[in-house]
Amino acid sequence: CDLVRPLVGPKVKLINNIQELPKIEGDANRLTQILTNLVSNSIKFTQKGAITLSGIAEASHVRIDVADTGLGIPQDKLSRIWGAFSQVDLATTRKYGGTGLGLALVKGLVEAHGGSIEV
């Protein structure tokens, strides 16, 4: 959270609810990149409200959730967000910028670590 905190707008609260979790195996730099990309994406599309990180140890893995009160994604566009160069719509791209690679990269890194990601 500390890495992205300076990017958070004045009307947005960044909440870290991640408590003690078991250690996981993986590339620490890539795991940091995954979380940074997810939280940065939330920051980009959340003008007011909150971004909340939470985590829980489940049977064979650790689950991390990033939730926000941002713009949201229309139901019919959800399947496209993991694709490279994908943006929800052109108006969003013009307003917020970006290449549409962040979530595709996140998905690839999560899967390379044997995990899965979903909305």
N, C-alpha and C. Protein backbone atom coordinates (compact mmCIF):
# COMPACT_ATOMS: atom_id res chain seq x y z
N CYS A 1 0.81 -1.20 0.00
CA CYS A 1 0.00 0.00 0.00
C CYS A 1 0.85 1.27 0.00
N ASP A 2 1.95 1.22 0.70
CA ASP A 2 2.78 2.43 0.82
C ASP A 2 3.32 2.89 -0.54
N LEU A 3 3.55 1.94 -1.44
CA LEU A 3 4.10 2.25 -2.75
C LEU A 3 3.13 3.09 -3.59
N VAL A 4 1.83 2.82 -3.46
CA VAL A 4 0.84 3.52 -4.29
C VAL A 4 0.09 4.62 -3.55
N ARG A 5 0.27 4.71 -2.25
CA ARG A 5 -0.46 5.71 -1.46
C ARG A 5 -0.35 7.13 -2.02
N PRO A 6 0.82 7.56 -2.51
CA PRO A 6 0.90 8.93 -3.04
C PRO A 6 0.01 9.17 -4.27
N LEU A 7 -0.43 8.10 -4.93
CA LEU A 7 -1.26 8.23 -6.12
C LEU A 7 -2.75 8.37 -5.80
N VAL A 8 -3.12 8.11 -4.57
CA VAL A 8 -4.52 8.12 -4.16
C VAL A 8 -5.03 9.56 -4.06
N GLY A 9 -6.19 9.80 -4.67
CA GLY A 9 -6.78 11.13 -4.65
C GLY A 9 -7.26 11.52 -3.26
N PRO A 10 -7.51 12.81 -3.06
CA PRO A 10 -7.89 13.31 -1.73
C PRO A 10 -9.25 12.80 -1.25
N LYS A 11 -10.11 12.36 -2.16
CA LYS A 11 -11.44 11.89 -1.78
C LYS A 11 -11.52 10.36 -1.71
N VAL A 12 -10.35 9.71 -1.78
CA VAL A 12 -10.31 8.24 -1.79
C VAL A 12 -9.55 7.75 -0.57
N LYS A 13 -10.12 6.77 0.09
CA LYS A 13 -9.46 6.16 1.25
C LYS A 13 -8.91 4.81 0.83
N LEU A 14 -7.62 4.58 1.08
CA LEU A 14 -6.97 3.30 0.79
C LEU A 14 -6.94 2.51 2.08
N ILE A 15 -7.62 1.37 2.09
CA ILE A 15 -7.77 0.56 3.30
C ILE A 15 -7.07 -0.78 3.10
N ASN A 16 -6.13 -1.07 3.97
CA ASN A 16 -5.41 -2.34 3.93
C ASN A 16 -5.93 -3.23 5.05
N ASN A 17 -6.79 -4.19 4.70
CA ASN A 17 -7.33 -5.13 5.68
C ASN A 17 -6.60 -6.47 5.67
N ILE A 18 -5.44 -6.51 5.04
CA ILE A 18 -4.69 -7.76 4.99
C ILE A 18 -3.99 -7.96 6.33
N GLN A 19 -4.35 -9.04 6.98
CA GLN A 19 -3.75 -9.39 8.27
C GLN A 19 -2.64 -10.41 8.04
N GLU A 20 -2.33 -11.17 9.06
CA GLU A 20 -1.31 -12.21 8.94
C GLU A 20 -1.75 -13.28 7.93
N LEU A 21 -0.92 -13.52 6.96
CA LEU A 21 -1.15 -14.58 5.99
C LEU A 21 0.05 -15.51 5.97
N PRO A 22 -0.15 -16.77 5.61
CA PRO A 22 1.01 -17.67 5.53
C PRO A 22 1.93 -17.23 4.40
N LYS A 23 3.18 -17.60 4.50
CA LYS A 23 4.13 -17.28 3.44
C LYS A 23 3.76 -18.08 2.20
N ILE A 24 3.96 -17.45 1.05
CA ILE A 24 3.70 -18.14 -0.21
C ILE A 24 4.98 -18.16 -1.02
N GLU A 25 5.10 -19.18 -1.86
CA GLU A 25 6.27 -19.27 -2.72
C GLU A 25 6.01 -18.49 -3.99
N GLY A 26 7.02 -17.78 -4.43
CA GLY A 26 6.89 -17.03 -5.67
C GLY A 26 7.96 -15.98 -5.77
N ASP A 27 7.99 -15.34 -6.89
CA ASP A 27 8.93 -14.26 -7.16
C ASP A 27 8.39 -13.00 -6.46
N ALA A 28 9.08 -12.56 -5.44
CA ALA A 28 8.61 -11.42 -4.64
C ALA A 28 8.39 -10.17 -5.49
N ASN A 29 9.27 -9.95 -6.46
CA ASN A 29 9.13 -8.76 -7.31
C ASN A 29 7.87 -8.86 -8.17
N ARG A 30 7.60 -10.03 -8.71
CA ARG A 30 6.41 -10.21 -9.55
C ARG A 30 5.14 -10.14 -8.71
N LEU A 31 5.15 -10.69 -7.51
CA LEU A 31 3.98 -10.62 -6.63
C LEU A 31 3.69 -9.17 -6.25
N THR A 32 4.74 -8.40 -6.00
CA THR A 32 4.58 -6.97 -5.73
C THR A 32 4.01 -6.27 -6.96
N GLN A 33 4.50 -6.63 -8.14
CA GLN A 33 4.01 -6.04 -9.38
C GLN A 33 2.52 -6.33 -9.58
N ILE A 34 2.10 -7.55 -9.27
CA ILE A 34 0.69 -7.91 -9.40
C ILE A 34 -0.17 -7.00 -8.53
N LEU A 35 0.18 -6.91 -7.26
CA LEU A 35 -0.61 -6.08 -6.34
C LEU A 35 -0.56 -4.61 -6.71
N THR A 36 0.61 -4.13 -7.10
CA THR A 36 0.76 -2.73 -7.49
C THR A 36 -0.10 -2.42 -8.71
N ASN A 37 -0.09 -3.30 -9.71
CA ASN A 37 -0.90 -3.08 -10.91
C ASN A 37 -2.39 -3.07 -10.58
N LEU A 38 -2.84 -4.01 -9.75
CA LEU A 38 -4.26 -4.07 -9.40
C LEU A 38 -4.70 -2.83 -8.63
N VAL A 39 -3.91 -2.45 -7.64
CA VAL A 39 -4.28 -1.28 -6.83
C VAL A 39 -4.16 0.00 -7.67
N SER A 40 -3.15 0.10 -8.50
CA SER A 40 -3.01 1.28 -9.36
C SER A 40 -4.20 1.41 -10.31
N ASN A 41 -4.67 0.28 -10.82
CA ASN A 41 -5.84 0.30 -11.69
C ASN A 41 -7.07 0.82 -10.93
N SER A 42 -7.23 0.35 -9.70
CA SER A 42 -8.33 0.84 -8.87
C SER A 42 -8.21 2.34 -8.61
N ILE A 43 -7.01 2.80 -8.32
CA ILE A 43 -6.78 4.22 -8.07
C ILE A 43 -7.15 5.04 -9.30
N LYS A 44 -6.76 4.56 -10.45
CA LYS A 44 -6.99 5.27 -11.70
C LYS A 44 -8.49 5.52 -11.95
N PHE A 45 -9.34 4.57 -11.56
CA PHE A 45 -10.76 4.67 -11.88
C PHE A 45 -11.64 4.96 -10.67
N THR A 46 -11.04 5.33 -9.55
CA THR A 46 -11.81 5.66 -8.35
C THR A 46 -11.55 7.11 -7.97
N GLN A 47 -12.55 7.95 -8.18
CA GLN A 47 -12.42 9.37 -7.90
C GLN A 47 -12.79 9.72 -6.46
N LYS A 48 -13.70 8.92 -5.88
CA LYS A 48 -14.09 9.13 -4.49
C LYS A 48 -14.55 7.79 -3.92
N GLY A 49 -14.47 7.68 -2.60
CA GLY A 49 -14.88 6.44 -1.95
C GLY A 49 -13.69 5.72 -1.35
N ALA A 50 -13.58 4.43 -1.66
CA ALA A 50 -12.54 3.64 -1.02
C ALA A 50 -12.02 2.54 -1.94
N ILE A 51 -10.79 2.17 -1.68
CA ILE A 51 -10.15 1.01 -2.28
C ILE A 51 -9.72 0.14 -1.10
N THR A 52 -10.19 -1.09 -1.09
CA THR A 52 -9.94 -1.97 0.05
C THR A 52 -9.21 -3.22 -0.39
N LEU A 53 -8.11 -3.51 0.31
CA LEU A 53 -7.37 -4.75 0.10
C LEU A 53 -7.68 -5.68 1.25
N SER A 54 -7.96 -6.92 0.94
CA SER A 54 -8.16 -7.91 1.98
C SER A 54 -7.54 -9.23 1.53
N GLY A 55 -7.25 -10.07 2.47
CA GLY A 55 -6.64 -11.35 2.15
C GLY A 55 -7.07 -12.42 3.12
N ILE A 56 -7.10 -13.65 2.63
CA ILE A 56 -7.50 -14.77 3.47
C ILE A 56 -6.74 -16.02 3.02
N ALA A 57 -6.36 -16.82 3.99
CA ALA A 57 -5.74 -18.11 3.69
C ALA A 57 -6.86 -19.12 3.48
N GLU A 58 -6.88 -19.75 2.31
CA GLU A 58 -7.85 -20.78 2.02
C GLU A 58 -7.13 -22.13 2.02
N ALA A 59 -7.83 -23.18 1.72
CA ALA A 59 -7.30 -24.54 1.84
C ALA A 59 -5.89 -24.70 1.26
N SER A 60 -5.71 -24.36 0.00
CA SER A 60 -4.41 -24.61 -0.63
C SER A 60 -3.77 -23.35 -1.21
N HIS A 61 -4.33 -22.20 -0.90
CA HIS A 61 -3.80 -20.97 -1.47
C HIS A 61 -4.18 -19.76 -0.62
N VAL A 62 -3.65 -18.64 -1.02
CA VAL A 62 -3.99 -17.37 -0.38
C VAL A 62 -4.81 -16.58 -1.39
N ARG A 63 -5.91 -16.00 -0.92
CA ARG A 63 -6.75 -15.18 -1.79
C ARG A 63 -6.60 -13.72 -1.38
N ILE A 64 -6.33 -12.88 -2.35
CA ILE A 64 -6.23 -11.45 -2.14
C ILE A 64 -7.34 -10.79 -2.93
N ASP A 65 -8.09 -9.92 -2.30
CA ASP A 65 -9.18 -9.18 -2.95
C ASP A 65 -8.83 -7.70 -2.98
N VAL A 66 -9.08 -7.07 -4.12
CA VAL A 66 -8.97 -5.63 -4.26
C VAL A 66 -10.36 -5.15 -4.69
N ALA A 67 -11.00 -4.37 -3.84
CA ALA A 67 -12.34 -3.86 -4.13
C ALA A 67 -12.30 -2.34 -4.13
N ASP A 68 -13.10 -1.73 -5.00
CA ASP A 68 -13.13 -0.27 -5.04
C ASP A 68 -14.53 0.23 -5.34
N THR A 69 -14.70 1.51 -5.16
CA THR A 69 -15.98 2.17 -5.44
C THR A 69 -15.89 2.98 -6.73
N GLY A 70 -15.02 2.53 -7.62
CA GLY A 70 -14.78 3.24 -8.87
C GLY A 70 -15.89 3.10 -9.89
N LEU A 71 -15.54 3.43 -11.13
CA LEU A 71 -16.50 3.46 -12.23
C LEU A 71 -17.22 2.14 -12.46
N GLY A 72 -16.54 1.05 -12.20
CA GLY A 72 -17.13 -0.25 -12.48
C GLY A 72 -16.94 -0.64 -13.93
N ILE A 73 -17.25 -1.89 -14.21
CA ILE A 73 -17.11 -2.43 -15.56
C ILE A 73 -18.46 -3.02 -15.95
N PRO A 74 -19.00 -2.61 -17.09
CA PRO A 74 -20.27 -3.18 -17.52
C PRO A 74 -20.17 -4.71 -17.64
N GLN A 75 -21.22 -5.40 -17.27
CA GLN A 75 -21.25 -6.86 -17.28
C GLN A 75 -20.82 -7.44 -18.63
N ASP A 76 -21.25 -6.83 -19.71
CA ASP A 76 -20.94 -7.36 -21.04
C ASP A 76 -19.48 -7.13 -21.46
N LYS A 77 -18.73 -6.39 -20.67
CA LYS A 77 -17.32 -6.12 -20.99
C LYS A 77 -16.36 -6.90 -20.09
N LEU A 78 -16.87 -7.57 -19.07
CA LEU A 78 -16.00 -8.24 -18.09
C LEU A 78 -15.05 -9.25 -18.72
N SER A 79 -15.51 -10.00 -19.68
CA SER A 79 -14.67 -11.05 -20.27
C SER A 79 -13.49 -10.46 -21.05
N ARG A 80 -13.57 -9.21 -21.46
CA ARG A 80 -12.52 -8.59 -22.27
C ARG A 80 -11.39 -7.97 -21.46
N ILE A 81 -11.58 -7.75 -20.17
CA ILE A 81 -10.60 -6.95 -19.43
C ILE A 81 -9.24 -7.62 -19.29
N TRP A 82 -9.17 -8.94 -19.45
CA TRP A 82 -7.89 -9.65 -19.28
C TRP A 82 -7.08 -9.70 -20.57
N GLY A 83 -7.65 -9.23 -21.68
CA GLY A 83 -6.95 -9.27 -22.96
C GLY A 83 -5.95 -8.13 -23.10
N ALA A 84 -4.87 -8.41 -23.83
CA ALA A 84 -3.86 -7.38 -24.09
C ALA A 84 -4.46 -6.27 -24.93
N PHE A 85 -4.10 -5.05 -24.61
CA PHE A 85 -4.53 -3.83 -25.29
C PHE A 85 -6.04 -3.63 -25.19
N SER A 86 -6.65 -4.17 -24.15
CA SER A 86 -8.10 -4.06 -23.98
C SER A 86 -8.43 -2.89 -23.06
N GLN A 87 -9.41 -2.10 -23.48
CA GLN A 87 -9.94 -1.02 -22.67
C GLN A 87 -11.46 -1.17 -22.70
N VAL A 88 -12.13 -0.73 -21.65
CA VAL A 88 -13.58 -0.87 -21.60
C VAL A 88 -14.24 -0.11 -22.75
N ASP A 89 -13.82 1.13 -22.97
CA ASP A 89 -14.32 1.89 -24.12
C ASP A 89 -13.36 3.02 -24.45
N LEU A 90 -13.50 3.59 -25.63
CA LEU A 90 -12.58 4.62 -26.09
C LEU A 90 -12.65 5.90 -25.26
N ALA A 91 -13.83 6.24 -24.77
CA ALA A 91 -13.96 7.44 -23.94
C ALA A 91 -13.13 7.30 -22.66
N THR A 92 -13.15 6.12 -22.08
CA THR A 92 -12.36 5.86 -20.87
C THR A 92 -10.88 5.97 -21.19
N THR A 93 -10.46 5.42 -22.32
CA THR A 93 -9.06 5.48 -22.73
C THR A 93 -8.62 6.93 -22.90
N ARG A 94 -9.46 7.74 -23.56
CA ARG A 94 -9.11 9.15 -23.77
C ARG A 94 -8.99 9.89 -22.44
N LYS A 95 -9.91 9.61 -21.51
CA LYS A 95 -9.92 10.33 -20.24
C LYS A 95 -8.80 9.89 -19.30
N TYR A 96 -8.56 8.57 -19.21
CA TYR A 96 -7.63 8.05 -18.21
C TYR A 96 -6.31 7.55 -18.77
N GLY A 97 -6.21 7.40 -20.07
CA GLY A 97 -4.98 6.93 -20.67
C GLY A 97 -4.74 5.45 -20.43
N GLY A 98 -3.54 5.02 -20.72
CA GLY A 98 -3.18 3.62 -20.52
C GLY A 98 -3.14 2.86 -21.82
N THR A 99 -2.46 1.72 -21.77
CA THR A 99 -2.29 0.90 -22.97
C THR A 99 -3.20 -0.32 -22.99
N GLY A 100 -3.80 -0.63 -21.85
CA GLY A 100 -4.62 -1.83 -21.79
C GLY A 100 -3.81 -3.08 -21.57
N LEU A 101 -2.59 -2.93 -21.09
CA LEU A 101 -1.72 -4.09 -20.85
C LEU A 101 -1.69 -4.52 -19.39
N GLY A 102 -2.07 -3.63 -18.47
CA GLY A 102 -1.91 -3.90 -17.04
C GLY A 102 -2.59 -5.17 -16.56
N LEU A 103 -3.87 -5.33 -16.87
CA LEU A 103 -4.59 -6.50 -16.38
C LEU A 103 -4.19 -7.77 -17.11
N ALA A 104 -3.82 -7.66 -18.40
CA ALA A 104 -3.32 -8.82 -19.13
C ALA A 104 -2.01 -9.30 -18.50
N LEU A 105 -1.16 -8.37 -18.14
CA LEU A 105 0.10 -8.69 -17.48
C LEU A 105 -0.15 -9.34 -16.12
N VAL A 106 -1.08 -8.77 -15.36
CA VAL A 106 -1.43 -9.32 -14.05
C VAL A 106 -1.90 -10.77 -14.20
N LYS A 107 -2.78 -11.00 -15.13
CA LYS A 107 -3.32 -12.35 -15.35
C LYS A 107 -2.19 -13.33 -15.68
N GLY A 108 -1.31 -12.93 -16.57
CA GLY A 108 -0.18 -13.79 -16.94
C GLY A 108 0.72 -14.10 -15.76
N LEU A 109 1.02 -13.10 -14.95
CA LEU A 109 1.88 -13.30 -13.78
C LEU A 109 1.21 -14.18 -12.72
N VAL A 110 -0.08 -13.97 -12.50
CA VAL A 110 -0.81 -14.79 -11.53
C VAL A 110 -0.80 -16.25 -11.99
N GLU A 111 -1.09 -16.48 -13.25
CA GLU A 111 -1.12 -17.85 -13.77
C GLU A 111 0.27 -18.48 -13.78
N ALA A 112 1.30 -17.69 -14.02
CA ALA A 112 2.67 -18.21 -13.98
C ALA A 112 3.05 -18.68 -12.57
N HIS A 113 2.37 -18.12 -11.58
CA HIS A 113 2.59 -18.53 -10.19
C HIS A 113 1.63 -19.64 -9.77
N GLY A 114 0.88 -20.18 -10.72
CA GLY A 114 -0.03 -21.27 -10.41
C GLY A 114 -1.36 -20.83 -9.84
N GLY A 115 -1.66 -19.54 -9.97
CA GLY A 115 -2.90 -19.01 -9.40
C GLY A 115 -3.93 -18.71 -10.46
N SER A 116 -5.00 -18.09 -10.03
CA SER A 116 -6.05 -17.67 -10.95
C SER A 116 -6.54 -16.30 -10.50
N ILE A 117 -7.20 -15.61 -11.43
CA ILE A 117 -7.71 -14.27 -11.13
C ILE A 117 -9.08 -14.12 -11.75
N GLU A 118 -9.94 -13.41 -11.06
CA GLU A 118 -11.30 -13.19 -11.56
C GLU A 118 -11.84 -11.88 -11.04
N VAL A 119 -12.91 -11.44 -11.69
CA VAL A 119 -13.60 -10.22 -11.26
C VAL A 119 -14.73 -10.62 -10.35
